[in-house]
Amino acid sequence: MIAQLSGRLVSADLTNLILDVQGVGYLIHATGRTLAQIGQPGDMVTLVTELLVREDSLTLYGFKDTAEQAAFRMLQTVQGVGAKAALSILTTLPADELSQAILAGDKAMVSRADGIGPKLAQRIINELAHKLPASLNTGPAPFDLASAGGLEGCG
């Protein structure tokens, strides 16, 4: 697994970036939030990464922090949510707002993401609400998904 990459930003667009790490250019898919904060070509960048291995591809996903990465992993445990949908959700809602929406049962907030309808938003809420720490159910404090213990089977 490639857990982190540091290198020089070659280019970035709306969905991915190319990071030059000692002469090797890595194509990394990322959320719109991460891409908006990534910097300019030539800047040094460090990303937490997730490597998804499929039968026909190896795909790298990059995140600004471990909370965003953990949210990405957790979202993919929901039936019908793949990497593309998870990135879309995290582009619309940062990890802490996503956890608050899940705890509040706010499917309208979750369904604001491109490609996420009300039925899938409700499934996300139903399947993830019990995976969030119980301590959050008593207060409005933001949740760091990176500290969630409910990441079983995610890697």
N, C-alpha and C. Protein backbone atom coordinates (compact mmCIF):
# COMPACT_ATOMS: atom_id res chain seq x y z
N MET A 1 0.84 -1.18 0.00
CA MET A 1 0.00 0.00 0.00
C MET A 1 0.89 1.24 0.00
N ILE A 2 0.44 2.24 -0.71
CA ILE A 2 1.12 3.53 -0.71
C ILE A 2 0.34 4.43 0.24
N ALA A 3 0.89 4.72 1.40
CA ALA A 3 0.17 5.44 2.46
C ALA A 3 0.31 6.95 2.36
N GLN A 4 1.40 7.43 1.76
CA GLN A 4 1.63 8.87 1.69
C GLN A 4 2.60 9.14 0.55
N LEU A 5 2.38 10.26 -0.13
CA LEU A 5 3.31 10.69 -1.16
C LEU A 5 3.67 12.15 -0.95
N SER A 6 4.94 12.46 -1.12
CA SER A 6 5.42 13.84 -1.05
C SER A 6 6.21 14.12 -2.32
N GLY A 7 5.92 15.24 -2.94
CA GLY A 7 6.63 15.59 -4.15
C GLY A 7 6.21 16.94 -4.68
N ARG A 8 6.61 17.20 -5.92
CA ARG A 8 6.33 18.47 -6.57
C ARG A 8 5.06 18.35 -7.40
N LEU A 9 4.15 19.30 -7.22
CA LEU A 9 2.91 19.33 -7.98
C LEU A 9 3.21 19.69 -9.42
N VAL A 10 2.82 18.81 -10.34
CA VAL A 10 3.03 19.07 -11.76
C VAL A 10 1.82 19.80 -12.33
N SER A 11 0.62 19.27 -12.04
CA SER A 11 -0.61 19.89 -12.52
C SER A 11 -1.78 19.40 -11.68
N ALA A 12 -2.87 20.15 -11.75
CA ALA A 12 -4.10 19.76 -11.06
C ALA A 12 -5.28 20.30 -11.85
N ASP A 13 -6.36 19.52 -11.89
CA ASP A 13 -7.59 19.99 -12.50
C ASP A 13 -8.73 19.76 -11.51
N LEU A 14 -9.94 19.62 -12.00
CA LEU A 14 -11.10 19.52 -11.10
C LEU A 14 -11.22 18.17 -10.39
N THR A 15 -10.56 17.13 -10.92
CA THR A 15 -10.74 15.80 -10.33
C THR A 15 -9.46 15.10 -9.91
N ASN A 16 -8.32 15.53 -10.43
CA ASN A 16 -7.08 14.83 -10.08
C ASN A 16 -5.88 15.74 -10.21
N LEU A 17 -4.74 15.19 -9.82
CA LEU A 17 -3.49 15.93 -9.91
C LEU A 17 -2.38 14.96 -10.30
N ILE A 18 -1.29 15.54 -10.74
CA ILE A 18 -0.09 14.74 -11.01
C ILE A 18 0.99 15.24 -10.06
N LEU A 19 1.55 14.30 -9.32
CA LEU A 19 2.59 14.60 -8.33
C LEU A 19 3.88 13.92 -8.77
N ASP A 20 4.94 14.70 -8.92
CA ASP A 20 6.25 14.17 -9.30
C ASP A 20 7.02 13.82 -8.02
N VAL A 21 7.25 12.53 -7.83
CA VAL A 21 7.99 12.05 -6.67
C VAL A 21 9.29 11.43 -7.19
N GLN A 22 10.37 12.17 -7.08
CA GLN A 22 11.70 11.74 -7.53
C GLN A 22 11.68 11.21 -8.96
N GLY A 23 11.03 11.98 -9.84
CA GLY A 23 11.03 11.63 -11.26
C GLY A 23 9.90 10.74 -11.72
N VAL A 24 9.08 10.26 -10.82
CA VAL A 24 7.93 9.43 -11.19
C VAL A 24 6.67 10.26 -10.99
N GLY A 25 5.87 10.39 -12.05
CA GLY A 25 4.63 11.16 -11.97
C GLY A 25 3.46 10.28 -11.59
N TYR A 26 2.85 10.56 -10.46
CA TYR A 26 1.70 9.80 -9.97
C TYR A 26 0.42 10.56 -10.28
N LEU A 27 -0.53 9.91 -10.94
CA LEU A 27 -1.86 10.46 -11.15
C LEU A 27 -2.68 10.13 -9.91
N ILE A 28 -3.17 11.16 -9.23
CA ILE A 28 -3.87 10.97 -7.96
C ILE A 28 -5.23 11.65 -8.05
N HIS A 29 -6.29 10.90 -7.81
CA HIS A 29 -7.64 11.45 -7.76
C HIS A 29 -7.86 12.02 -6.36
N ALA A 30 -8.58 13.13 -6.29
CA ALA A 30 -8.78 13.78 -4.99
C ALA A 30 -10.12 14.51 -4.96
N THR A 31 -10.54 14.88 -3.76
CA THR A 31 -11.77 15.65 -3.62
C THR A 31 -11.53 17.08 -4.11
N GLY A 32 -12.62 17.73 -4.46
CA GLY A 32 -12.53 19.13 -4.86
C GLY A 32 -11.94 20.00 -3.77
N ARG A 33 -12.23 19.65 -2.51
CA ARG A 33 -11.70 20.43 -1.38
C ARG A 33 -10.18 20.30 -1.31
N THR A 34 -9.67 19.11 -1.46
CA THR A 34 -8.22 18.90 -1.44
C THR A 34 -7.57 19.62 -2.62
N LEU A 35 -8.16 19.47 -3.80
CA LEU A 35 -7.59 20.10 -5.00
C LEU A 35 -7.60 21.62 -4.91
N ALA A 36 -8.61 22.18 -4.26
CA ALA A 36 -8.68 23.64 -4.11
C ALA A 36 -7.58 24.17 -3.19
N GLN A 37 -7.08 23.32 -2.30
CA GLN A 37 -6.07 23.74 -1.32
C GLN A 37 -4.67 23.25 -1.66
N ILE A 38 -4.51 22.60 -2.80
CA ILE A 38 -3.27 21.90 -3.09
C ILE A 38 -2.09 22.82 -3.41
N GLY A 39 -2.34 24.00 -3.92
CA GLY A 39 -1.25 24.91 -4.27
C GLY A 39 -1.10 25.04 -5.77
N GLN A 40 0.05 25.56 -6.17
CA GLN A 40 0.34 25.84 -7.58
C GLN A 40 1.37 24.84 -8.11
N PRO A 41 1.38 24.61 -9.44
CA PRO A 41 2.41 23.75 -10.01
C PRO A 41 3.80 24.22 -9.57
N GLY A 42 4.61 23.26 -9.18
CA GLY A 42 5.95 23.54 -8.67
C GLY A 42 6.03 23.50 -7.16
N ASP A 43 4.88 23.65 -6.48
CA ASP A 43 4.85 23.59 -5.02
C ASP A 43 5.12 22.17 -4.53
N MET A 44 5.74 22.06 -3.36
CA MET A 44 5.91 20.76 -2.71
C MET A 44 4.60 20.41 -2.00
N VAL A 45 4.17 19.17 -2.17
CA VAL A 45 2.88 18.72 -1.66
C VAL A 45 3.06 17.37 -0.98
N THR A 46 2.36 17.18 0.13
CA THR A 46 2.29 15.88 0.79
C THR A 46 0.83 15.49 0.91
N LEU A 47 0.50 14.28 0.47
CA LEU A 47 -0.86 13.77 0.55
C LEU A 47 -0.88 12.42 1.24
N VAL A 48 -1.89 12.20 2.05
CA VAL A 48 -2.20 10.87 2.57
C VAL A 48 -2.89 10.17 1.40
N THR A 49 -2.54 8.92 1.13
CA THR A 49 -3.09 8.26 -0.05
C THR A 49 -3.76 6.94 0.26
N GLU A 50 -4.58 6.54 -0.66
CA GLU A 50 -5.29 5.27 -0.61
C GLU A 50 -5.13 4.64 -1.99
N LEU A 51 -4.62 3.43 -2.05
CA LEU A 51 -4.45 2.72 -3.31
C LEU A 51 -5.57 1.69 -3.43
N LEU A 52 -6.41 1.85 -4.45
CA LEU A 52 -7.47 0.87 -4.69
C LEU A 52 -7.03 -0.05 -5.81
N VAL A 53 -7.03 -1.33 -5.53
CA VAL A 53 -6.61 -2.34 -6.49
C VAL A 53 -7.86 -3.02 -7.03
N ARG A 54 -8.05 -2.93 -8.32
CA ARG A 54 -9.15 -3.59 -9.00
C ARG A 54 -8.55 -4.58 -9.99
N GLU A 55 -9.39 -5.41 -10.53
CA GLU A 55 -8.93 -6.42 -11.48
C GLU A 55 -8.19 -5.80 -12.66
N ASP A 56 -8.66 -4.64 -13.11
CA ASP A 56 -8.09 -4.03 -14.30
C ASP A 56 -7.37 -2.70 -14.06
N SER A 57 -7.21 -2.30 -12.80
CA SER A 57 -6.55 -1.01 -12.56
C SER A 57 -6.00 -0.88 -11.14
N LEU A 58 -5.03 -0.01 -11.02
CA LEU A 58 -4.52 0.45 -9.72
C LEU A 58 -4.80 1.95 -9.71
N THR A 59 -5.55 2.44 -8.73
CA THR A 59 -5.94 3.84 -8.70
C THR A 59 -5.56 4.46 -7.37
N LEU A 60 -4.87 5.59 -7.43
CA LEU A 60 -4.47 6.32 -6.23
C LEU A 60 -5.45 7.45 -5.94
N TYR A 61 -5.82 7.56 -4.67
CA TYR A 61 -6.66 8.65 -4.19
C TYR A 61 -5.86 9.39 -3.13
N GLY A 62 -5.90 10.71 -3.18
CA GLY A 62 -5.13 11.51 -2.24
C GLY A 62 -6.02 12.39 -1.38
N PHE A 63 -5.58 12.61 -0.14
CA PHE A 63 -6.38 13.36 0.83
C PHE A 63 -5.48 14.32 1.59
N LYS A 64 -6.07 15.45 1.99
CA LYS A 64 -5.31 16.46 2.72
C LYS A 64 -4.98 16.00 4.13
N ASP A 65 -5.80 15.09 4.70
CA ASP A 65 -5.56 14.62 6.07
C ASP A 65 -6.19 13.23 6.27
N THR A 66 -5.88 12.63 7.40
CA THR A 66 -6.38 11.28 7.67
C THR A 66 -7.88 11.25 7.94
N ALA A 67 -8.47 12.36 8.38
CA ALA A 67 -9.92 12.40 8.60
C ALA A 67 -10.65 12.24 7.27
N GLU A 68 -10.18 12.93 6.24
CA GLU A 68 -10.80 12.81 4.92
C GLU A 68 -10.61 11.40 4.37
N GLN A 69 -9.43 10.82 4.58
CA GLN A 69 -9.17 9.46 4.12
C GLN A 69 -10.07 8.46 4.84
N ALA A 70 -10.23 8.60 6.14
CA ALA A 70 -11.08 7.69 6.91
C ALA A 70 -12.53 7.80 6.47
N ALA A 71 -12.99 9.01 6.18
CA ALA A 71 -14.35 9.19 5.69
C ALA A 71 -14.52 8.51 4.34
N PHE A 72 -13.53 8.63 3.48
CA PHE A 72 -13.54 7.98 2.16
C PHE A 72 -13.66 6.46 2.33
N ARG A 73 -12.87 5.90 3.21
CA ARG A 73 -12.93 4.46 3.47
C ARG A 73 -14.29 4.04 4.02
N MET A 74 -14.78 4.79 5.00
CA MET A 74 -16.03 4.44 5.64
C MET A 74 -17.20 4.53 4.65
N LEU A 75 -17.22 5.56 3.83
CA LEU A 75 -18.30 5.70 2.86
C LEU A 75 -18.37 4.51 1.92
N GLN A 76 -17.22 3.97 1.55
CA GLN A 76 -17.20 2.85 0.62
C GLN A 76 -17.69 1.54 1.23
N THR A 77 -17.91 1.50 2.53
CA THR A 77 -18.48 0.30 3.14
C THR A 77 -19.99 0.23 2.91
N VAL A 78 -20.58 1.32 2.44
CA VAL A 78 -22.01 1.36 2.17
C VAL A 78 -22.27 0.81 0.77
N GLN A 79 -23.23 -0.11 0.67
CA GLN A 79 -23.59 -0.68 -0.62
C GLN A 79 -24.02 0.44 -1.57
N GLY A 80 -23.44 0.46 -2.76
CA GLY A 80 -23.79 1.47 -3.75
C GLY A 80 -22.89 2.69 -3.74
N VAL A 81 -21.96 2.75 -2.79
CA VAL A 81 -21.03 3.89 -2.73
C VAL A 81 -19.64 3.39 -3.10
N GLY A 82 -19.18 3.82 -4.26
CA GLY A 82 -17.83 3.51 -4.69
C GLY A 82 -16.93 4.71 -4.49
N ALA A 83 -15.75 4.61 -5.04
CA ALA A 83 -14.76 5.68 -4.87
C ALA A 83 -15.26 7.00 -5.45
N LYS A 84 -15.88 6.95 -6.63
CA LYS A 84 -16.35 8.18 -7.28
C LYS A 84 -17.42 8.87 -6.43
N ALA A 85 -18.37 8.10 -5.93
CA ALA A 85 -19.43 8.68 -5.08
C ALA A 85 -18.85 9.21 -3.78
N ALA A 86 -17.91 8.48 -3.19
CA ALA A 86 -17.29 8.94 -1.94
C ALA A 86 -16.56 10.27 -2.15
N LEU A 87 -15.83 10.40 -3.27
CA LEU A 87 -15.16 11.66 -3.56
C LEU A 87 -16.17 12.78 -3.76
N SER A 88 -17.27 12.48 -4.43
CA SER A 88 -18.31 13.49 -4.65
C SER A 88 -18.88 13.99 -3.32
N ILE A 89 -19.16 13.06 -2.43
CA ILE A 89 -19.70 13.44 -1.12
C ILE A 89 -18.70 14.30 -0.35
N LEU A 90 -17.44 13.89 -0.35
CA LEU A 90 -16.42 14.63 0.40
C LEU A 90 -16.03 15.95 -0.27
N THR A 91 -16.35 16.11 -1.53
CA THR A 91 -16.18 17.41 -2.18
C THR A 91 -17.25 18.37 -1.68
N THR A 92 -18.45 17.84 -1.46
CA THR A 92 -19.58 18.66 -1.00
C THR A 92 -19.53 18.91 0.50
N LEU A 93 -19.19 17.88 1.27
CA LEU A 93 -19.19 17.98 2.73
C LEU A 93 -17.84 17.55 3.29
N PRO A 94 -17.17 18.40 4.06
CA PRO A 94 -15.96 17.92 4.73
C PRO A 94 -16.32 16.83 5.74
N ALA A 95 -15.35 16.06 6.16
CA ALA A 95 -15.58 14.89 7.02
C ALA A 95 -16.38 15.24 8.28
N ASP A 96 -16.08 16.35 8.93
CA ASP A 96 -16.80 16.69 10.16
C ASP A 96 -18.26 17.03 9.89
N GLU A 97 -18.55 17.75 8.80
CA GLU A 97 -19.94 18.06 8.46
C GLU A 97 -20.69 16.81 8.01
N LEU A 98 -20.00 15.91 7.34
CA LEU A 98 -20.62 14.65 6.93
C LEU A 98 -21.05 13.86 8.16
N SER A 99 -20.18 13.75 9.14
CA SER A 99 -20.53 13.00 10.34
C SER A 99 -21.70 13.65 11.08
N GLN A 100 -21.73 14.97 11.12
CA GLN A 100 -22.85 15.66 11.76
C GLN A 100 -24.15 15.40 11.00
N ALA A 101 -24.10 15.41 9.68
CA ALA A 101 -25.29 15.14 8.87
C ALA A 101 -25.77 13.71 9.09
N ILE A 102 -24.84 12.77 9.18
CA ILE A 102 -25.21 11.37 9.42
C ILE A 102 -25.86 11.22 10.79
N LEU A 103 -25.26 11.81 11.81
CA LEU A 103 -25.82 11.71 13.16
C LEU A 103 -27.18 12.38 13.26
N ALA A 104 -27.37 13.46 12.50
CA ALA A 104 -28.65 14.18 12.53
C ALA A 104 -29.69 13.54 11.62
N GLY A 105 -29.27 12.55 10.82
CA GLY A 105 -30.19 11.92 9.88
C GLY A 105 -30.60 12.86 8.76
N ASP A 106 -29.72 13.78 8.39
CA ASP A 106 -30.02 14.81 7.40
C ASP A 106 -29.70 14.32 5.99
N LYS A 107 -30.66 13.59 5.40
CA LYS A 107 -30.40 13.04 4.07
C LYS A 107 -30.36 14.13 3.00
N ALA A 108 -31.03 15.26 3.23
CA ALA A 108 -30.97 16.37 2.27
C ALA A 108 -29.54 16.90 2.16
N MET A 109 -28.85 16.98 3.28
CA MET A 109 -27.46 17.46 3.28
C MET A 109 -26.56 16.47 2.54
N VAL A 110 -26.72 15.18 2.82
CA VAL A 110 -25.89 14.17 2.17
C VAL A 110 -26.19 14.10 0.68
N SER A 111 -27.45 14.26 0.29
CA SER A 111 -27.83 14.13 -1.12
C SER A 111 -27.49 15.37 -1.95
N ARG A 112 -26.90 16.39 -1.34
CA ARG A 112 -26.43 17.56 -2.11
C ARG A 112 -25.27 17.19 -3.03
N ALA A 113 -24.58 16.13 -2.73
CA ALA A 113 -23.43 15.72 -3.55
C ALA A 113 -23.91 15.22 -4.91
N ASP A 114 -23.14 15.52 -5.95
CA ASP A 114 -23.46 15.04 -7.29
C ASP A 114 -23.53 13.52 -7.32
N GLY A 115 -24.59 12.99 -7.92
CA GLY A 115 -24.74 11.56 -8.07
C GLY A 115 -25.30 10.84 -6.86
N ILE A 116 -25.66 11.57 -5.81
CA ILE A 116 -26.19 10.96 -4.60
C ILE A 116 -27.66 11.36 -4.46
N GLY A 117 -28.53 10.40 -4.68
CA GLY A 117 -29.96 10.66 -4.56
C GLY A 117 -30.44 10.45 -3.13
N PRO A 118 -31.72 10.74 -2.88
CA PRO A 118 -32.25 10.61 -1.52
C PRO A 118 -32.21 9.18 -0.98
N LYS A 119 -32.42 8.19 -1.84
CA LYS A 119 -32.39 6.79 -1.36
C LYS A 119 -30.98 6.39 -0.93
N LEU A 120 -29.99 6.75 -1.73
CA LEU A 120 -28.61 6.41 -1.36
C LEU A 120 -28.19 7.21 -0.13
N ALA A 121 -28.60 8.46 -0.05
CA ALA A 121 -28.28 9.27 1.13
C ALA A 121 -28.86 8.63 2.39
N GLN A 122 -30.09 8.13 2.30
CA GLN A 122 -30.70 7.48 3.46
C GLN A 122 -29.96 6.19 3.82
N ARG A 123 -29.52 5.44 2.80
CA ARG A 123 -28.76 4.22 3.06
C ARG A 123 -27.44 4.55 3.76
N ILE A 124 -26.78 5.61 3.32
CA ILE A 124 -25.53 6.04 3.96
C ILE A 124 -25.78 6.35 5.43
N ILE A 125 -26.83 7.09 5.71
CA ILE A 125 -27.17 7.43 7.09
C ILE A 125 -27.47 6.18 7.90
N ASN A 126 -28.29 5.30 7.34
CA ASN A 126 -28.68 4.08 8.06
C ASN A 126 -27.49 3.19 8.37
N GLU A 127 -26.59 3.03 7.40
CA GLU A 127 -25.47 2.10 7.57
C GLU A 127 -24.31 2.68 8.37
N LEU A 128 -24.16 4.00 8.38
CA LEU A 128 -23.00 4.59 9.05
C LEU A 128 -23.30 5.16 10.43
N ALA A 129 -24.54 5.47 10.72
CA ALA A 129 -24.86 6.10 12.01
C ALA A 129 -24.38 5.25 13.19
N HIS A 130 -24.52 3.93 13.08
CA HIS A 130 -24.10 3.05 14.18
C HIS A 130 -22.58 2.86 14.25
N LYS A 131 -21.87 3.25 13.20
CA LYS A 131 -20.41 3.11 13.20
C LYS A 131 -19.70 4.31 13.82
N LEU A 132 -20.43 5.40 13.99
CA LEU A 132 -19.84 6.59 14.59
C LEU A 132 -19.79 6.41 16.09
N PRO A 133 -18.79 6.97 16.78
CA PRO A 133 -18.67 6.81 18.23
C PRO A 133 -19.91 7.28 18.97
N ALA A 134 -20.30 6.53 19.98
CA ALA A 134 -21.49 6.85 20.77
C ALA A 134 -21.37 8.20 21.45
N SER A 135 -20.15 8.62 21.77
CA SER A 135 -19.97 9.91 22.45
C SER A 135 -20.49 11.07 21.62
N LEU A 136 -20.56 10.90 20.32
CA LEU A 136 -21.05 11.98 19.48
C LEU A 136 -22.56 12.10 19.52
N ASN A 137 -23.23 11.05 19.92
CA ASN A 137 -24.68 11.10 19.94
C ASN A 137 -25.21 12.02 21.03
N THR A 138 -24.35 12.48 21.93
CA THR A 138 -24.81 13.31 23.04
C THR A 138 -24.48 14.78 22.86
N GLY A 139 -23.75 15.14 21.83
CA GLY A 139 -23.40 16.54 21.68
C GLY A 139 -23.10 16.91 20.25
N PRO A 140 -23.05 18.21 19.96
CA PRO A 140 -22.84 18.66 18.60
C PRO A 140 -21.38 18.78 18.19
N ALA A 141 -20.46 18.29 19.01
CA ALA A 141 -19.04 18.45 18.70
C ALA A 141 -18.71 17.78 17.37
N PRO A 142 -17.84 18.39 16.58
CA PRO A 142 -17.45 17.79 15.31
C PRO A 142 -16.73 16.47 15.54
N PHE A 143 -16.81 15.61 14.55
CA PHE A 143 -16.29 14.26 14.65
C PHE A 143 -15.11 14.08 13.73
N ASP A 144 -14.05 13.54 14.25
CA ASP A 144 -12.88 13.22 13.45
C ASP A 144 -13.00 11.76 13.04
N LEU A 145 -13.40 11.53 11.78
CA LEU A 145 -13.61 10.16 11.31
C LEU A 145 -12.34 9.33 11.41
N ALA A 146 -11.19 9.96 11.46
CA ALA A 146 -9.94 9.21 11.56
C ALA A 146 -9.84 8.47 12.89
N SER A 147 -10.56 8.95 13.90
CA SER A 147 -10.49 8.30 15.20
C SER A 147 -11.61 7.28 15.39
N ALA A 148 -12.45 7.10 14.38
CA ALA A 148 -13.56 6.15 14.50
C ALA A 148 -13.03 4.73 14.56
N GLY A 149 -13.58 3.96 15.43
CA GLY A 149 -13.18 2.57 15.53
C GLY A 149 -13.94 1.68 14.57
N GLY A 150 -14.90 2.20 13.85
CA GLY A 150 -15.76 1.40 12.99
C GLY A 150 -15.27 1.27 11.58
N LEU A 151 -13.98 1.12 11.38
CA LEU A 151 -13.46 0.99 10.03
C LEU A 151 -13.15 -0.46 9.68
N GLU A 152 -13.96 -1.38 10.22
CA GLU A 152 -13.68 -2.78 9.98
C GLU A 152 -13.77 -3.10 8.49
N GLY A 153 -12.86 -3.96 8.06
CA GLY A 153 -12.84 -4.41 6.69
C GLY A 153 -12.40 -3.37 5.67
N CYS A 154 -11.78 -2.30 6.12
CA CYS A 154 -11.42 -1.22 5.20
C CYS A 154 -9.94 -1.19 4.87
N GLY A 155 -9.21 -2.15 5.24
CA GLY A 155 -7.86 -2.09 4.77
C GLY A 155 -6.81 -2.41 5.71
